[in-house]
Amino acid sequence: MEIKRAGSQPLTEGQANWFTGTVRIDPFFEAPEPARVRIASVTFEPGARTAWHTHPLGQALIVTSGLGWAQSWGGSIEVSQAEY
């Protein structure tokens, strides 16, 4: 068992080739290989967004504050709003 305290992982800024605007990434967990699980809290400042990209193995997005906009290739934009 490995226990990690909140805030114990280094916070990073989103890389310019993946994000526009100010984006902070707070990693929570990354499973050791061969697992491919990585969990992080990603905070977008107003006007920030990601560059178009894909996740061939899937991705789960949980909106905890504000609005989350997502779109699948050729699909319509889906908007999720935090209910807290």
C-alpha atoms as a PDB file:
ATOM      1  CA  MET A   1       0.000   0.000   0.000  1.00  0.00           C
ATOM      2  CA  GLU A   2       1.190   3.471  -0.827  1.00  0.00           C
ATOM      3  CA  ILE A   3      -0.333   6.492   0.901  1.00  0.00           C
ATOM      4  CA  LYS A   4       0.044   9.936  -0.645  1.00  0.00           C
ATOM      5  CA  ARG A   5      -1.077  13.016   1.207  1.00  0.00           C
ATOM      6  CA  ALA A   6      -3.069  15.742  -0.564  1.00  0.00           C
ATOM      7  CA  GLY A   7      -0.684  18.289  -2.042  1.00  0.00           C
ATOM      8  CA  SER A   8       2.354  16.013  -1.677  1.00  0.00           C
ATOM      9  CA  GLN A   9       2.853  15.664  -5.448  1.00  0.00           C
ATOM     10  CA  PRO A  10       4.455  18.566  -7.332  1.00  0.00           C
ATOM     11  CA  LEU A  11       1.959  20.844  -9.104  1.00  0.00           C
ATOM     12  CA  THR A  12       2.838  21.522 -12.765  1.00  0.00           C
ATOM     13  CA  GLU A  13       1.746  23.990 -15.419  1.00  0.00           C
ATOM     14  CA  GLY A  14       0.084  22.675 -18.574  1.00  0.00           C
ATOM     15  CA  GLN A  15       2.546  22.435 -21.464  1.00  0.00           C
ATOM     16  CA  ALA A  16       2.119  25.021 -24.235  1.00  0.00           C
ATOM     17  CA  ASN A  17       1.863  22.290 -26.900  1.00  0.00           C
ATOM     18  CA  TRP A  18      -1.207  20.794 -25.110  1.00  0.00           C
ATOM     19  CA  PHE A  19      -2.895  23.842 -23.586  1.00  0.00           C
ATOM     20  CA  THR A  20      -3.710  27.466 -24.354  1.00  0.00           C
ATOM     21  CA  GLY A  21      -3.856  29.833 -21.406  1.00  0.00           C
ATOM     22  CA  THR A  22      -3.065  29.071 -17.789  1.00  0.00           C
ATOM     23  CA  VAL A  23      -3.643  25.439 -16.784  1.00  0.00           C
ATOM     24  CA  ARG A  24      -2.500  23.786 -13.529  1.00  0.00           C
ATOM     25  CA  ILE A  25      -2.128  20.024 -13.148  1.00  0.00           C
ATOM     26  CA  ASP A  26      -2.249  18.534  -9.652  1.00  0.00           C
ATOM     27  CA  PRO A  27      -1.374  14.822  -9.924  1.00  0.00           C
ATOM     28  CA  PHE A  28      -3.171  12.503  -7.517  1.00  0.00           C
ATOM     29  CA  PHE A  29      -2.101   9.038  -8.608  1.00  0.00           C
ATOM     30  CA  GLU A  30      -0.199   7.134 -11.296  1.00  0.00           C
ATOM     31  CA  ALA A  31      -0.292   3.348 -11.230  1.00  0.00           C
ATOM     32  CA  PRO A  32       2.953   1.471 -11.884  1.00  0.00           C
ATOM     33  CA  GLU A  33       3.368  -0.378 -15.192  1.00  0.00           C
ATOM     34  CA  PRO A  34       1.788  -2.337 -16.766  1.00  0.00           C
ATOM     35  CA  ALA A  35      -1.250  -0.337 -15.588  1.00  0.00           C
ATOM     36  CA  ARG A  36      -2.130   2.784 -17.545  1.00  0.00           C
ATOM     37  CA  VAL A  37      -4.076   4.673 -14.897  1.00  0.00           C
ATOM     38  CA  ARG A  38      -3.269   8.285 -14.118  1.00  0.00           C
ATOM     39  CA  ILE A  39      -5.479  10.591 -12.069  1.00  0.00           C
ATOM     40  CA  ALA A  40      -5.025  14.345 -11.767  1.00  0.00           C
ATOM     41  CA  SER A  41      -7.009  17.470 -11.035  1.00  0.00           C
ATOM     42  CA  VAL A  42      -6.675  19.891 -13.942  1.00  0.00           C
ATOM     43  CA  THR A  43      -7.643  23.531 -13.350  1.00  0.00           C
ATOM     44  CA  PHE A  44      -8.307  25.831 -16.295  1.00  0.00           C
ATOM     45  CA  GLU A  45      -8.168  29.577 -15.729  1.00  0.00           C
ATOM     46  CA  PRO A  46     -10.805  31.590 -17.657  1.00  0.00           C
ATOM     47  CA  GLY A  47     -10.156  31.337 -21.409  1.00  0.00           C
ATOM     48  CA  ALA A  48      -7.775  28.370 -21.132  1.00  0.00           C
ATOM     49  CA  ARG A  49      -8.393  25.208 -23.143  1.00  0.00           C
ATOM     50  CA  THR A  50      -6.727  22.072 -24.445  1.00  0.00           C
ATOM     51  CA  ALA A  51      -5.439  21.520 -27.953  1.00  0.00           C
ATOM     52  CA  TRP A  52      -7.443  18.984 -29.977  1.00  0.00           C
ATOM     53  CA  HIS A  53      -6.157  15.495 -29.174  1.00  0.00           C
ATOM     54  CA  THR A  54      -7.368  11.929 -28.767  1.00  0.00           C
ATOM     55  CA  HIS A  55      -7.383   9.305 -26.022  1.00  0.00           C
ATOM     56  CA  PRO A  56      -7.441   5.945 -27.849  1.00  0.00           C
ATOM     57  CA  LEU A  57      -7.918   4.035 -24.579  1.00  0.00           C
ATOM     58  CA  GLY A  58     -10.528   6.444 -23.253  1.00  0.00           C
ATOM     59  CA  GLN A  59     -10.629   9.188 -20.656  1.00  0.00           C
ATOM     60  CA  ALA A  60     -12.906  10.013 -17.732  1.00  0.00           C
ATOM     61  CA  LEU A  61     -13.647  13.657 -17.018  1.00  0.00           C
ATOM     62  CA  ILE A  62     -15.202  14.716 -13.717  1.00  0.00           C
ATOM     63  CA  VAL A  63     -16.261  18.366 -13.547  1.00  0.00           C
ATOM     64  CA  THR A  64     -15.875  19.577  -9.963  1.00  0.00           C
ATOM     65  CA  SER A  65     -16.224  23.317 -10.542  1.00  0.00           C
ATOM     66  CA  GLY A  66     -17.607  25.517 -13.299  1.00  0.00           C
ATOM     67  CA  LEU A  67     -18.306  24.105 -16.764  1.00  0.00           C
ATOM     68  CA  GLY A  68     -16.590  21.317 -18.682  1.00  0.00           C
ATOM     69  CA  TRP A  69     -16.823  21.232 -22.478  1.00  0.00           C
ATOM     70  CA  ALA A  70     -15.907  18.066 -24.380  1.00  0.00           C
ATOM     71  CA  GLN A  71     -16.333  16.931 -27.962  1.00  0.00           C
ATOM     72  CA  SER A  72     -15.818  13.655 -29.789  1.00  0.00           C
ATOM     73  CA  TRP A  73     -14.494  13.723 -33.358  1.00  0.00           C
ATOM     74  CA  GLY A  74     -17.399  14.733 -35.595  1.00  0.00           C
ATOM     75  CA  GLY A  75     -19.770  14.958 -32.623  1.00  0.00           C
ATOM     76  CA  SER A  76     -21.493  17.834 -30.936  1.00  0.00           C
ATOM     77  CA  ILE A  77     -20.053  19.711 -27.986  1.00  0.00           C
ATOM     78  CA  GLU A  78     -21.181  18.307 -24.634  1.00  0.00           C
ATOM     79  CA  VAL A  79     -21.296  20.680 -21.665  1.00  0.00           C
ATOM     80  CA  SER A  80     -21.219  19.460 -18.074  1.00  0.00           C
ATOM     81  CA  GLN A  81     -21.757  21.731 -15.103  1.00  0.00           C
ATOM     82  CA  ALA A  82     -20.597  21.038 -11.565  1.00  0.00           C
ATOM     83  CA  GLU A  83     -23.575  20.462  -9.303  1.00  0.00           C
ATOM     84  CA  TYR A  84     -21.871  21.424  -6.039  1.00  0.00           C
END
